[in-house]
Amino acid sequence: MEFHERLKELRVSKNLTQQQVAQALGMAVRQYQRYEHGERKPTYDIIIRLCYFFEISSDELLGLK
């Protein structure tokens, strides 16, 4: 499973909208959508914020575990 697929799966499993996640991370919805659609790769800073938000390790988020 690729990063963007895991990201969407995490969001859906928590019953959250893209708007809710983007707002919690302090970014525009379109920016978040680009990560979920695989159009862009997040920076290290965004990866860290995603890990804190979803309460998972970076290994899990990146599919290394």
N, C-alpha and C. Protein backbone atom coordinates (compact mmCIF):
# COMPACT_ATOMS: atom_id res chain seq x y z
N MET A 1 0.84 -1.17 0.00
CA MET A 1 0.00 0.00 0.00
C MET A 1 0.89 1.24 0.00
N GLU A 2 0.56 2.20 -0.83
CA GLU A 2 1.35 3.42 -0.93
C GLU A 2 0.94 4.44 0.13
N PHE A 3 1.81 5.44 0.31
CA PHE A 3 1.59 6.45 1.35
C PHE A 3 0.21 7.09 1.25
N HIS A 4 -0.15 7.54 0.05
CA HIS A 4 -1.42 8.25 -0.09
C HIS A 4 -2.62 7.36 0.25
N GLU A 5 -2.49 6.07 -0.02
CA GLU A 5 -3.57 5.14 0.33
C GLU A 5 -3.67 4.96 1.84
N ARG A 6 -2.52 4.85 2.51
CA ARG A 6 -2.52 4.74 3.98
C ARG A 6 -3.10 5.99 4.62
N LEU A 7 -2.74 7.14 4.07
CA LEU A 7 -3.23 8.40 4.61
C LEU A 7 -4.75 8.47 4.53
N LYS A 8 -5.30 8.12 3.39
CA LYS A 8 -6.76 8.13 3.25
C LYS A 8 -7.40 7.10 4.17
N GLU A 9 -6.81 5.93 4.25
CA GLU A 9 -7.34 4.87 5.12
C GLU A 9 -7.37 5.33 6.59
N LEU A 10 -6.33 6.00 7.03
CA LEU A 10 -6.28 6.52 8.40
C LEU A 10 -7.40 7.51 8.64
N ARG A 11 -7.56 8.44 7.71
CA ARG A 11 -8.60 9.46 7.86
C ARG A 11 -9.99 8.85 7.90
N VAL A 12 -10.26 7.94 6.98
CA VAL A 12 -11.58 7.30 6.91
C VAL A 12 -11.84 6.46 8.16
N SER A 13 -10.81 5.79 8.67
CA SER A 13 -10.99 4.95 9.86
C SER A 13 -11.36 5.77 11.09
N LYS A 14 -11.00 7.06 11.08
CA LYS A 14 -11.32 7.96 12.20
C LYS A 14 -12.59 8.77 11.92
N ASN A 15 -13.26 8.46 10.79
CA ASN A 15 -14.49 9.17 10.39
C ASN A 15 -14.29 10.67 10.30
N LEU A 16 -13.19 11.07 9.68
CA LEU A 16 -12.87 12.49 9.53
C LEU A 16 -12.96 12.89 8.06
N THR A 17 -13.27 14.14 7.83
CA THR A 17 -13.27 14.68 6.47
C THR A 17 -11.88 15.23 6.16
N GLN A 18 -11.63 15.43 4.88
CA GLN A 18 -10.36 16.05 4.50
C GLN A 18 -10.27 17.45 5.09
N GLN A 19 -11.37 18.15 5.14
CA GLN A 19 -11.42 19.50 5.72
C GLN A 19 -10.99 19.47 7.19
N GLN A 20 -11.48 18.50 7.94
CA GLN A 20 -11.14 18.41 9.36
C GLN A 20 -9.65 18.16 9.57
N VAL A 21 -9.10 17.26 8.79
CA VAL A 21 -7.67 16.95 8.94
C VAL A 21 -6.83 18.15 8.53
N ALA A 22 -7.16 18.76 7.41
CA ALA A 22 -6.41 19.93 6.94
C ALA A 22 -6.45 21.05 7.97
N GLN A 23 -7.61 21.29 8.53
CA GLN A 23 -7.75 22.34 9.53
C GLN A 23 -6.91 22.03 10.78
N ALA A 24 -6.94 20.79 11.22
CA ALA A 24 -6.18 20.40 12.40
C ALA A 24 -4.68 20.54 12.17
N LEU A 25 -4.25 20.35 10.93
CA LEU A 25 -2.83 20.45 10.60
C LEU A 25 -2.41 21.85 10.19
N GLY A 26 -3.39 22.76 10.07
CA GLY A 26 -3.08 24.14 9.72
C GLY A 26 -2.69 24.32 8.27
N MET A 27 -3.36 23.61 7.38
CA MET A 27 -3.05 23.73 5.95
C MET A 27 -4.33 23.86 5.15
N ALA A 28 -4.20 24.24 3.91
CA ALA A 28 -5.34 24.35 3.01
C ALA A 28 -5.84 22.95 2.66
N VAL A 29 -7.13 22.83 2.44
CA VAL A 29 -7.72 21.54 2.10
C VAL A 29 -7.09 20.99 0.82
N ARG A 30 -6.88 21.84 -0.16
CA ARG A 30 -6.31 21.38 -1.43
C ARG A 30 -4.92 20.80 -1.23
N GLN A 31 -4.15 21.38 -0.33
CA GLN A 31 -2.81 20.84 -0.04
C GLN A 31 -2.94 19.42 0.51
N TYR A 32 -3.84 19.25 1.47
CA TYR A 32 -4.04 17.91 2.04
C TYR A 32 -4.54 16.94 0.98
N GLN A 33 -5.46 17.37 0.14
CA GLN A 33 -5.99 16.51 -0.92
C GLN A 33 -4.89 16.02 -1.84
N ARG A 34 -3.93 16.86 -2.12
CA ARG A 34 -2.82 16.46 -2.99
C ARG A 34 -2.01 15.33 -2.37
N TYR A 35 -1.87 15.33 -1.05
CA TYR A 35 -1.18 14.22 -0.38
C TYR A 35 -2.00 12.94 -0.50
N GLU A 36 -3.29 13.05 -0.27
CA GLU A 36 -4.17 11.86 -0.33
C GLU A 36 -4.30 11.30 -1.73
N HIS A 37 -4.20 12.14 -2.73
CA HIS A 37 -4.32 11.68 -4.11
C HIS A 37 -2.99 11.27 -4.71
N GLY A 38 -1.92 11.42 -3.94
CA GLY A 38 -0.59 11.02 -4.42
C GLY A 38 0.02 12.01 -5.39
N GLU A 39 -0.51 13.23 -5.43
CA GLU A 39 0.00 14.25 -6.34
C GLU A 39 1.25 14.92 -5.79
N ARG A 40 1.39 14.93 -4.46
CA ARG A 40 2.54 15.54 -3.80
C ARG A 40 2.97 14.68 -2.63
N LYS A 41 4.23 14.81 -2.27
CA LYS A 41 4.78 14.12 -1.10
C LYS A 41 4.94 15.15 0.03
N PRO A 42 4.58 14.79 1.25
CA PRO A 42 4.69 15.74 2.35
C PRO A 42 6.14 15.95 2.79
N THR A 43 6.38 17.11 3.37
CA THR A 43 7.69 17.41 3.95
C THR A 43 7.83 16.65 5.26
N TYR A 44 9.03 16.65 5.82
CA TYR A 44 9.25 15.99 7.11
C TYR A 44 8.36 16.61 8.19
N ASP A 45 8.22 17.93 8.14
CA ASP A 45 7.40 18.63 9.12
C ASP A 45 5.94 18.14 9.05
N ILE A 46 5.43 17.99 7.86
CA ILE A 46 4.05 17.52 7.70
C ILE A 46 3.92 16.07 8.16
N ILE A 47 4.91 15.25 7.86
CA ILE A 47 4.89 13.86 8.31
C ILE A 47 4.82 13.80 9.84
N ILE A 48 5.60 14.63 10.49
CA ILE A 48 5.59 14.66 11.96
C ILE A 48 4.21 15.09 12.47
N ARG A 49 3.64 16.13 11.86
CA ARG A 49 2.32 16.58 12.29
C ARG A 49 1.26 15.51 12.06
N LEU A 50 1.35 14.78 10.95
CA LEU A 50 0.41 13.70 10.68
C LEU A 50 0.53 12.60 11.72
N CYS A 51 1.76 12.27 12.10
CA CYS A 51 1.98 11.23 13.12
C CYS A 51 1.37 11.63 14.46
N TYR A 52 1.60 12.86 14.86
CA TYR A 52 1.00 13.33 16.12
C TYR A 52 -0.53 13.34 16.02
N PHE A 53 -1.04 13.83 14.91
CA PHE A 53 -2.49 13.93 14.75
C PHE A 53 -3.16 12.56 14.80
N PHE A 54 -2.62 11.60 14.06
CA PHE A 54 -3.22 10.27 14.00
C PHE A 54 -2.72 9.34 15.11
N GLU A 55 -1.77 9.83 15.90
CA GLU A 55 -1.21 9.07 17.02
C GLU A 55 -0.62 7.73 16.57
N ILE A 56 0.24 7.83 15.56
CA ILE A 56 0.93 6.65 15.03
C ILE A 56 2.41 6.99 14.86
N SER A 57 3.20 5.96 14.66
CA SER A 57 4.63 6.17 14.42
C SER A 57 4.87 6.53 12.95
N SER A 58 6.01 7.12 12.70
CA SER A 58 6.36 7.44 11.32
C SER A 58 6.54 6.15 10.50
N ASP A 59 7.03 5.10 11.14
CA ASP A 59 7.16 3.82 10.44
C ASP A 59 5.80 3.33 9.93
N GLU A 60 4.82 3.43 10.79
CA GLU A 60 3.48 2.99 10.39
C GLU A 60 2.92 3.87 9.29
N LEU A 61 3.07 5.17 9.42
CA LEU A 61 2.56 6.10 8.41
C LEU A 61 3.23 5.88 7.06
N LEU A 62 4.53 5.62 7.09
CA LEU A 62 5.28 5.45 5.85
C LEU A 62 5.27 4.01 5.32
N GLY A 63 4.62 3.12 6.05
CA GLY A 63 4.52 1.74 5.58
C GLY A 63 5.78 0.91 5.81
N LEU A 64 6.55 1.28 6.80
CA LEU A 64 7.78 0.55 7.11
C LEU A 64 7.59 -0.51 8.17
N LYS A 65 6.39 -0.61 8.67
CA LYS A 65 6.12 -1.53 9.79
C LYS A 65 5.06 -2.52 9.41
